[in-house]
C-alpha atoms as a PDB file:
ATOM      1  CA  UNK A   1      14.130 -11.927 -13.812  1.00  0.00           C
ATOM      2  CA  UNK A   2      10.550 -11.289 -14.842  1.00  0.00           C
ATOM      3  CA  UNK A   3       7.761 -11.336 -12.300  1.00  0.00           C
ATOM      4  CA  UNK A   4       4.073 -12.130 -12.584  1.00  0.00           C
ATOM      5  CA  UNK A   5       1.538  -9.778 -10.962  1.00  0.00           C
ATOM      6  CA  UNK A   6      -0.024 -12.708  -9.065  1.00  0.00           C
ATOM      7  CA  UNK A   7       3.075 -13.144  -6.885  1.00  0.00           C
ATOM      8  CA  UNK A   8       2.509 -11.635  -3.438  1.00  0.00           C
ATOM      9  CA  UNK A   9       4.736  -8.563  -3.508  1.00  0.00           C
ATOM     10  CA  UNK A  10       4.726  -8.402   0.299  1.00  0.00           C
ATOM     11  CA  UNK A  11       6.480 -11.782   0.392  1.00  0.00           C
ATOM     12  CA  UNK A  12       8.448 -11.182  -2.804  1.00  0.00           C
ATOM     13  CA  UNK A  13       9.251 -13.324  -5.782  1.00  0.00           C
ATOM     14  CA  UNK A  14      10.830 -16.725  -5.183  1.00  0.00           C
ATOM     15  CA  UNK A  15      14.630 -16.774  -5.045  1.00  0.00           C
ATOM     16  CA  UNK A  16      16.984 -19.365  -6.546  1.00  0.00           C
ATOM     17  CA  UNK A  17      20.328 -20.047  -4.871  1.00  0.00           C
ATOM     18  CA  UNK A  18      23.630 -20.156  -6.722  1.00  0.00           C
ATOM     19  CA  UNK A  19      23.911 -23.861  -5.815  1.00  0.00           C
ATOM     20  CA  UNK A  20      20.598 -24.544  -7.589  1.00  0.00           C
ATOM     21  CA  UNK A  21      21.648 -22.606 -10.700  1.00  0.00           C
ATOM     22  CA  UNK A  22      25.026 -24.395 -10.833  1.00  0.00           C
ATOM     23  CA  UNK A  23      23.471 -27.866 -10.500  1.00  0.00           C
ATOM     24  CA  UNK A  24      20.777 -27.014 -13.031  1.00  0.00           C
ATOM     25  CA  UNK A  25      23.443 -25.894 -15.529  1.00  0.00           C
ATOM     26  CA  UNK A  26      25.212 -29.248 -15.016  1.00  0.00           C
ATOM     27  CA  UNK A  27      21.987 -31.195 -15.556  1.00  0.00           C
ATOM     28  CA  UNK A  28      21.119 -29.249 -18.707  1.00  0.00           C
ATOM     29  CA  UNK A  29      24.623 -29.726 -20.115  1.00  0.00           C
ATOM     30  CA  UNK A  30      24.482 -33.473 -19.435  1.00  0.00           C
ATOM     31  CA  UNK A  31      21.002 -33.679 -20.982  1.00  0.00           C
ATOM     32  CA  UNK A  32      22.218 -31.940 -24.132  1.00  0.00           C
ATOM     33  CA  UNK A  33      19.144 -29.722 -24.540  1.00  0.00           C
ATOM     34  CA  UNK A  34      20.424 -26.162 -24.484  1.00  0.00           C
ATOM     35  CA  UNK A  35      16.860 -24.792 -24.571  1.00  0.00           C
ATOM     36  CA  UNK A  36      15.833 -26.640 -21.375  1.00  0.00           C
ATOM     37  CA  UNK A  37      14.968 -25.038 -18.045  1.00  0.00           C
ATOM     38  CA  UNK A  38      13.787 -26.291 -14.668  1.00  0.00           C
ATOM     39  CA  UNK A  39      10.009 -26.073 -14.282  1.00  0.00           C
ATOM     40  CA  UNK A  40       8.848 -25.943 -10.669  1.00  0.00           C
ATOM     41  CA  UNK A  41       5.154 -26.594 -10.043  1.00  0.00           C
ATOM     42  CA  UNK A  42       2.871 -26.956  -7.058  1.00  0.00           C
ATOM     43  CA  UNK A  43       0.302 -29.738  -7.435  1.00  0.00           C
ATOM     44  CA  UNK A  44      -2.508 -30.975  -5.243  1.00  0.00           C
ATOM     45  CA  UNK A  45      -1.668 -34.219  -3.474  1.00  0.00           C
ATOM     46  CA  UNK A  46       1.198 -35.594  -1.463  1.00  0.00           C
ATOM     47  CA  UNK A  47       0.951 -36.540   2.181  1.00  0.00           C
ATOM     48  CA  UNK A  48       0.448 -32.926   3.322  1.00  0.00           C
ATOM     49  CA  UNK A  49      -2.003 -31.570   0.723  1.00  0.00           C
ATOM     50  CA  UNK A  50       0.308 -30.020  -1.883  1.00  0.00           C
ATOM     51  CA  UNK A  51       3.470 -31.312  -3.489  1.00  0.00           C
ATOM     52  CA  UNK A  52       6.342 -29.841  -5.473  1.00  0.00           C
ATOM     53  CA  UNK A  53       7.163 -31.080  -8.941  1.00  0.00           C
ATOM     54  CA  UNK A  54      10.534 -30.490 -10.614  1.00  0.00           C
ATOM     55  CA  UNK A  55      11.075 -31.303 -14.280  1.00  0.00           C
ATOM     56  CA  UNK A  56      13.214 -30.283 -17.232  1.00  0.00           C
ATOM     57  CA  UNK A  57      11.060 -28.528 -19.781  1.00  0.00           C
ATOM     58  CA  UNK A  58      11.516 -26.641 -23.039  1.00  0.00           C
ATOM     59  CA  UNK A  59       8.112 -24.931 -23.201  1.00  0.00           C
ATOM     60  CA  UNK A  60       7.213 -21.574 -21.686  1.00  0.00           C
ATOM     61  CA  UNK A  61       3.811 -19.949 -21.318  1.00  0.00           C
ATOM     62  CA  UNK A  62       3.318 -16.219 -21.645  1.00  0.00           C
ATOM     63  CA  UNK A  63       2.357 -15.874 -17.973  1.00  0.00           C
ATOM     64  CA  UNK A  64       5.180 -18.019 -16.536  1.00  0.00           C
ATOM     65  CA  UNK A  65       7.426 -16.492 -13.891  1.00  0.00           C
ATOM     66  CA  UNK A  66      11.007 -16.803 -15.158  1.00  0.00           C
ATOM     67  CA  UNK A  67      13.973 -16.603 -12.776  1.00  0.00           C
ATOM     68  CA  UNK A  68      17.320 -16.728 -14.539  1.00  0.00           C
ATOM     69  CA  UNK A  69      21.041 -16.290 -14.092  1.00  0.00           C
ATOM     70  CA  UNK A  70      23.806 -16.819 -16.657  1.00  0.00           C
ATOM     71  CA  UNK A  71      21.414 -18.287 -19.260  1.00  0.00           C
ATOM     72  CA  UNK A  72      20.057 -20.865 -16.791  1.00  0.00           C
ATOM     73  CA  UNK A  73      16.346 -20.516 -16.002  1.00  0.00           C
ATOM     74  CA  UNK A  74      13.851 -21.714 -13.436  1.00  0.00           C
ATOM     75  CA  UNK A  75      10.252 -21.359 -14.637  1.00  0.00           C
ATOM     76  CA  UNK A  76       7.144 -21.324 -12.442  1.00  0.00           C
ATOM     77  CA  UNK A  77       3.608 -21.391 -13.863  1.00  0.00           C
ATOM     78  CA  UNK A  78       1.171 -18.643 -12.880  1.00  0.00           C
ATOM     79  CA  UNK A  79      -0.984 -20.990 -10.772  1.00  0.00           C
ATOM     80  CA  UNK A  80       1.998 -22.204  -8.715  1.00  0.00           C
ATOM     81  CA  UNK A  81       3.699 -18.805  -8.319  1.00  0.00           C
ATOM     82  CA  UNK A  82       1.528 -17.528  -5.425  1.00  0.00           C
ATOM     83  CA  UNK A  83       2.243 -20.722  -3.449  1.00  0.00           C
ATOM     84  CA  UNK A  84       5.982 -20.051  -3.878  1.00  0.00           C
ATOM     85  CA  UNK A  85       5.961 -16.348  -3.061  1.00  0.00           C
ATOM     86  CA  UNK A  86       8.988 -15.619  -0.873  1.00  0.00           C
ATOM     87  CA  UNK A  87      10.300 -19.180  -1.196  1.00  0.00           C
ATOM     88  CA  UNK A  88      13.935 -20.145  -1.766  1.00  0.00           C
ATOM     89  CA  UNK A  89      14.697 -22.854  -4.328  1.00  0.00           C
ATOM     90  CA  UNK A  90      17.977 -24.557  -3.465  1.00  0.00           C
ATOM     91  CA  UNK A  91      20.031 -27.624  -4.355  1.00  0.00           C
ATOM     92  CA  UNK A  92      21.161 -29.660  -1.363  1.00  0.00           C
ATOM     93  CA  UNK A  93      23.875 -32.264  -1.092  1.00  0.00           C
ATOM     94  CA  UNK A  94      23.313 -34.325   2.042  1.00  0.00           C
ATOM     95  CA  UNK A  95      24.373 -37.675   3.407  1.00  0.00           C
ATOM     96  CA  UNK A  96      21.079 -39.209   2.243  1.00  0.00           C
ATOM     97  CA  UNK A  97      21.413 -37.834  -1.297  1.00  0.00           C
ATOM     98  CA  UNK A  98      21.152 -34.805  -3.523  1.00  0.00           C
ATOM     99  CA  UNK A  99      17.961 -32.926  -4.376  1.00  0.00           C
ATOM    100  CA  UNK A 100      16.343 -29.659  -5.282  1.00  0.00           C
ATOM    101  CA  UNK A 101      14.589 -28.327  -2.186  1.00  0.00           C
ATOM    102  CA  UNK A 102      12.253 -25.464  -1.406  1.00  0.00           C
ATOM    103  CA  UNK A 103      12.231 -23.413   1.784  1.00  0.00           C
ATOM    104  CA  UNK A 104       8.690 -22.065   1.621  1.00  0.00           C
ATOM    105  CA  UNK A 105       7.483 -19.459   4.157  1.00  0.00           C
ATOM    106  CA  UNK A 106       3.880 -20.132   3.033  1.00  0.00           C
ATOM    107  CA  UNK A 107       3.977 -23.751   4.236  1.00  0.00           C
ATOM    108  CA  UNK A 108       2.308 -24.289   7.597  1.00  0.00           C
ATOM    109  CA  UNK A 109       3.739 -27.821   7.735  1.00  0.00           C
ATOM    110  CA  UNK A 110       5.801 -30.148   5.578  1.00  0.00           C
ATOM    111  CA  UNK A 111       6.268 -33.891   5.352  1.00  0.00           C
ATOM    112  CA  UNK A 112       9.471 -35.642   6.326  1.00  0.00           C
ATOM    113  CA  UNK A 113      10.710 -35.933   2.746  1.00  0.00           C
ATOM    114  CA  UNK A 114      10.274 -32.194   2.097  1.00  0.00           C
ATOM    115  CA  UNK A 115       8.370 -32.609  -1.169  1.00  0.00           C
ATOM    116  CA  UNK A 116       4.877 -31.951   0.142  1.00  0.00           C
ATOM    117  CA  UNK A 117       3.392 -29.246   2.351  1.00  0.00           C
ATOM    118  CA  UNK A 118       0.179 -27.732   3.678  1.00  0.00           C
ATOM    119  CA  UNK A 119      -0.932 -24.124   3.947  1.00  0.00           C
END
């Protein structure tokens, strides 16, 4: 794991659960792009002020935060990294469906769907 200096060291770098890495490996294998990784971004918008974006990507910037295990990587851009300091990126299987989810200690509130938050 490499860390960017802009991540709040008091909170710590984001963590990725084994469930998220396993599901990501399955998605990448099904997609057929062995150079792909999951890019997690924080964007302005959503019903609470900020929203999470998850996408398969093959590009990496020099200042990206890279979290990896067993050749599977989650990449976070340097602008989004401080918003995710101390967060846990997980993959959840629930009655209503499956999704990547973020438990973010920086979020003062979240919306019902869990994809947007406020600070």
